[in-house]
Amino acid sequence: MAEIQYERTRFDQGKGGNGILVEWKSVTNADTFKAFTAPAFSDASVQVDGTFDSSTVLIKGTNNPASTPTNLQSLVDIFENAMSFAAEAMRQLAQNPLTIQPSVSGGGGSQSLNVRILFYFKT
């Protein structure tokens, strides 16, 4: 079991807009996700793709400031649906917690998933 570290790419869009793309790549059924702290970003879109092999990805968050997140809660999209992915999709996140951590369950041996969250804010 490995904790998958995220990769972070910063974008400066000019005209007062900035963003960060956070990516967890090639996550297998034996892996966990490293949590990402992003309190300064007001908007986020989540994309999940890859080989699911019966797995489900949940996007969770917390306002607990601990270095290891506790009390993670399932987050929702702008239509108040749980941020739960059993197939490739992209959705807008409704909440802005201090820390976000995806989780995955139920996958088989061929699972290989990518989770990408684009955080955006205007200055």
C-alpha atoms as a PDB file:
ATOM      1  CA  MET A   1       0.000   0.000   0.000  1.00  0.00           C
ATOM      2  CA  ALA A   2       1.335   3.404  -0.974  1.00  0.00           C
ATOM      3  CA  GLU A   3       0.205   6.904  -0.152  1.00  0.00           C
ATOM      4  CA  ILE A   4      -0.023   8.620  -3.539  1.00  0.00           C
ATOM      5  CA  GLN A   5       1.519  12.078  -3.434  1.00  0.00           C
ATOM      6  CA  TYR A   6      -0.125  14.824  -5.458  1.00  0.00           C
ATOM      7  CA  GLU A   7       1.514  16.875  -8.159  1.00  0.00           C
ATOM      8  CA  ARG A   8       0.757  20.587  -8.139  1.00  0.00           C
ATOM      9  CA  THR A   9       0.869  22.962 -11.126  1.00  0.00           C
ATOM     10  CA  ARG A  10       0.267  26.682 -10.609  1.00  0.00           C
ATOM     11  CA  PHE A  11      -1.480  28.830 -13.237  1.00  0.00           C
ATOM     12  CA  ASP A  12      -1.463  32.619 -13.481  1.00  0.00           C
ATOM     13  CA  GLN A  13      -4.303  33.586 -15.780  1.00  0.00           C
ATOM     14  CA  GLY A  14      -3.707  37.312 -15.516  1.00  0.00           C
ATOM     15  CA  LYS A  15      -6.504  39.834 -14.996  1.00  0.00           C
ATOM     16  CA  GLY A  16      -6.750  38.805 -11.347  1.00  0.00           C
ATOM     17  CA  GLY A  17      -7.247  35.059 -11.788  1.00  0.00           C
ATOM     18  CA  ASN A  18      -5.020  32.277 -10.509  1.00  0.00           C
ATOM     19  CA  GLY A  19      -5.302  28.547 -10.106  1.00  0.00           C
ATOM     20  CA  ILE A  20      -3.633  25.340  -9.036  1.00  0.00           C
ATOM     21  CA  LEU A  21      -4.125  21.957 -10.655  1.00  0.00           C
ATOM     22  CA  VAL A  22      -3.654  19.139  -8.124  1.00  0.00           C
ATOM     23  CA  GLU A  23      -3.263  15.627  -9.576  1.00  0.00           C
ATOM     24  CA  TRP A  24      -3.099  12.171  -8.018  1.00  0.00           C
ATOM     25  CA  LYS A  25      -2.070   9.736 -10.761  1.00  0.00           C
ATOM     26  CA  SER A  26      -2.307   5.970 -11.309  1.00  0.00           C
ATOM     27  CA  VAL A  27      -3.989   5.171  -7.989  1.00  0.00           C
ATOM     28  CA  THR A  28      -4.482   1.411  -7.523  1.00  0.00           C
ATOM     29  CA  ASN A  29      -6.846  -0.468  -5.215  1.00  0.00           C
ATOM     30  CA  ALA A  30      -4.037  -0.784  -2.640  1.00  0.00           C
ATOM     31  CA  ASP A  31      -3.263   2.959  -2.482  1.00  0.00           C
ATOM     32  CA  THR A  32      -4.409   5.944  -0.444  1.00  0.00           C
ATOM     33  CA  PHE A  33      -4.338   9.651  -1.312  1.00  0.00           C
ATOM     34  CA  LYS A  34      -2.150  12.334   0.298  1.00  0.00           C
ATOM     35  CA  ALA A  35      -4.390  15.145   1.588  1.00  0.00           C
ATOM     36  CA  PHE A  36      -4.158  18.633   0.037  1.00  0.00           C
ATOM     37  CA  THR A  37      -4.697  21.859   1.975  1.00  0.00           C
ATOM     38  CA  ALA A  38      -6.345  24.572  -0.114  1.00  0.00           C
ATOM     39  CA  PRO A  39      -8.261  27.138   1.978  1.00  0.00           C
ATOM     40  CA  ALA A  40      -7.584  30.117  -0.289  1.00  0.00           C
ATOM     41  CA  PHE A  41      -9.368  28.784  -3.369  1.00  0.00           C
ATOM     42  CA  SER A  42     -13.030  29.660  -3.796  1.00  0.00           C
ATOM     43  CA  ASP A  43     -13.860  27.453  -6.794  1.00  0.00           C
ATOM     44  CA  ALA A  44     -12.878  23.902  -7.716  1.00  0.00           C
ATOM     45  CA  SER A  45     -13.703  21.404 -10.432  1.00  0.00           C
ATOM     46  CA  VAL A  46     -13.014  17.696  -9.955  1.00  0.00           C
ATOM     47  CA  GLN A  47     -12.247  15.235 -12.751  1.00  0.00           C
ATOM     48  CA  VAL A  48     -11.787  11.489 -12.295  1.00  0.00           C
ATOM     49  CA  ASP A  49     -10.640   9.218 -15.126  1.00  0.00           C
ATOM     50  CA  GLY A  50      -8.860   5.935 -15.772  1.00  0.00           C
ATOM     51  CA  THR A  51      -9.697   2.281 -15.188  1.00  0.00           C
ATOM     52  CA  PHE A  52     -12.272   1.933 -12.413  1.00  0.00           C
ATOM     53  CA  ASP A  53     -12.590  -1.882 -12.226  1.00  0.00           C
ATOM     54  CA  SER A  54     -15.699  -1.564  -9.989  1.00  0.00           C
ATOM     55  CA  SER A  55     -14.159   1.116  -7.742  1.00  0.00           C
ATOM     56  CA  THR A  56     -15.780   4.284  -6.415  1.00  0.00           C
ATOM     57  CA  VAL A  57     -13.915   7.516  -5.700  1.00  0.00           C
ATOM     58  CA  LEU A  58     -15.236   9.846  -2.983  1.00  0.00           C
ATOM     59  CA  ILE A  59     -14.064  13.413  -2.514  1.00  0.00           C
ATOM     60  CA  LYS A  60     -13.904  14.239   1.191  1.00  0.00           C
ATOM     61  CA  GLY A  61     -12.918  17.279   3.193  1.00  0.00           C
ATOM     62  CA  THR A  62     -12.461  18.724   6.647  1.00  0.00           C
ATOM     63  CA  ASN A  63     -11.842  22.023   8.402  1.00  0.00           C
ATOM     64  CA  ASN A  64      -9.755  20.251  11.043  1.00  0.00           C
ATOM     65  CA  PRO A  65      -6.263  21.841  10.861  1.00  0.00           C
ATOM     66  CA  ALA A  66      -4.384  18.668  11.862  1.00  0.00           C
ATOM     67  CA  SER A  67      -1.466  17.539   9.681  1.00  0.00           C
ATOM     68  CA  THR A  68      -3.244  14.186   9.302  1.00  0.00           C
ATOM     69  CA  PRO A  69      -6.880  14.970   8.454  1.00  0.00           C
ATOM     70  CA  THR A  70      -9.568  13.690  10.779  1.00  0.00           C
ATOM     71  CA  ASN A  71     -13.347  13.989  10.668  1.00  0.00           C
ATOM     72  CA  LEU A  72     -13.380  13.839   6.872  1.00  0.00           C
ATOM     73  CA  GLN A  73     -16.868  14.438   5.469  1.00  0.00           C
ATOM     74  CA  SER A  74     -18.198  13.594   2.016  1.00  0.00           C
ATOM     75  CA  LEU A  75     -18.359  16.737  -0.100  1.00  0.00           C
ATOM     76  CA  VAL A  76     -21.104  17.629  -2.589  1.00  0.00           C
ATOM     77  CA  ASP A  77     -21.366  19.211  -6.013  1.00  0.00           C
ATOM     78  CA  ILE A  78     -23.331  22.366  -6.807  1.00  0.00           C
ATOM     79  CA  PHE A  79     -26.542  20.297  -7.062  1.00  0.00           C
ATOM     80  CA  GLU A  80     -25.947  18.830  -3.560  1.00  0.00           C
ATOM     81  CA  ASN A  81     -25.060  15.379  -4.932  1.00  0.00           C
ATOM     82  CA  ALA A  82     -22.274  13.509  -3.165  1.00  0.00           C
ATOM     83  CA  MET A  83     -18.930  13.838  -4.933  1.00  0.00           C
ATOM     84  CA  SER A  84     -18.878  10.119  -5.711  1.00  0.00           C
ATOM     85  CA  PHE A  85     -17.444   8.798  -8.992  1.00  0.00           C
ATOM     86  CA  ALA A  86     -17.948   5.249 -10.335  1.00  0.00           C
ATOM     87  CA  ALA A  87     -17.186   6.306 -13.928  1.00  0.00           C
ATOM     88  CA  GLU A  88     -15.230   9.046 -15.655  1.00  0.00           C
ATOM     89  CA  ALA A  89     -16.739  12.471 -15.011  1.00  0.00           C
ATOM     90  CA  MET A  90     -16.055  16.101 -14.148  1.00  0.00           C
ATOM     91  CA  ARG A  91     -18.098  18.107 -11.630  1.00  0.00           C
ATOM     92  CA  GLN A  92     -17.918  21.394  -9.752  1.00  0.00           C
ATOM     93  CA  LEU A  93     -17.303  21.208  -6.016  1.00  0.00           C
ATOM     94  CA  ALA A  94     -19.738  23.202  -3.844  1.00  0.00           C
ATOM     95  CA  GLN A  95     -17.735  23.472  -0.602  1.00  0.00           C
ATOM     96  CA  ASN A  96     -14.405  25.043   0.247  1.00  0.00           C
ATOM     97  CA  PRO A  97     -12.915  23.035   3.140  1.00  0.00           C
ATOM     98  CA  LEU A  98      -9.455  23.582   4.596  1.00  0.00           C
ATOM     99  CA  THR A  99      -8.275  20.126   3.472  1.00  0.00           C
ATOM    100  CA  ILE A 100      -9.431  17.827   0.657  1.00  0.00           C
ATOM    101  CA  GLN A 101      -8.607  14.134   0.429  1.00  0.00           C
ATOM    102  CA  PRO A 102     -10.018  11.721  -2.149  1.00  0.00           C
ATOM    103  CA  SER A 103     -10.612   8.097  -1.157  1.00  0.00           C
ATOM    104  CA  VAL A 104     -11.298   4.977  -3.210  1.00  0.00           C
ATOM    105  CA  SER A 105     -13.054   1.710  -2.386  1.00  0.00           C
ATOM    106  CA  GLY A 106     -14.114  -1.518  -4.048  1.00  0.00           C
ATOM    107  CA  GLY A 107     -11.631  -1.650  -6.908  1.00  0.00           C
ATOM    108  CA  GLY A 108     -10.098  -4.729  -8.476  1.00  0.00           C
ATOM    109  CA  GLY A 109      -6.565  -5.517  -9.559  1.00  0.00           C
ATOM    110  CA  SER A 110      -6.708  -3.536 -12.801  1.00  0.00           C
ATOM    111  CA  GLN A 111      -7.788  -0.271 -11.130  1.00  0.00           C
ATOM    112  CA  SER A 112      -5.676   2.715 -12.175  1.00  0.00           C
ATOM    113  CA  LEU A 113      -7.323   6.076 -11.513  1.00  0.00           C
ATOM    114  CA  ASN A 114      -6.398   9.719 -11.885  1.00  0.00           C
ATOM    115  CA  VAL A 115      -8.031  12.424  -9.780  1.00  0.00           C
ATOM    116  CA  ARG A 116      -7.529  16.030 -10.822  1.00  0.00           C
ATOM    117  CA  ILE A 117      -8.846  19.058  -8.968  1.00  0.00           C
ATOM    118  CA  LEU A 118      -8.501  22.523 -10.464  1.00  0.00           C
ATOM    119  CA  PHE A 119      -8.665  25.148  -7.714  1.00  0.00           C
ATOM    120  CA  TYR A 120      -9.308  28.698  -8.917  1.00  0.00           C
ATOM    121  CA  PHE A 121      -9.598  32.102  -7.317  1.00  0.00           C
ATOM    122  CA  LYS A 122      -9.837  35.709  -8.409  1.00  0.00           C
ATOM    123  CA  THR A 123      -7.650  38.326  -6.804  1.00  0.00           C
END
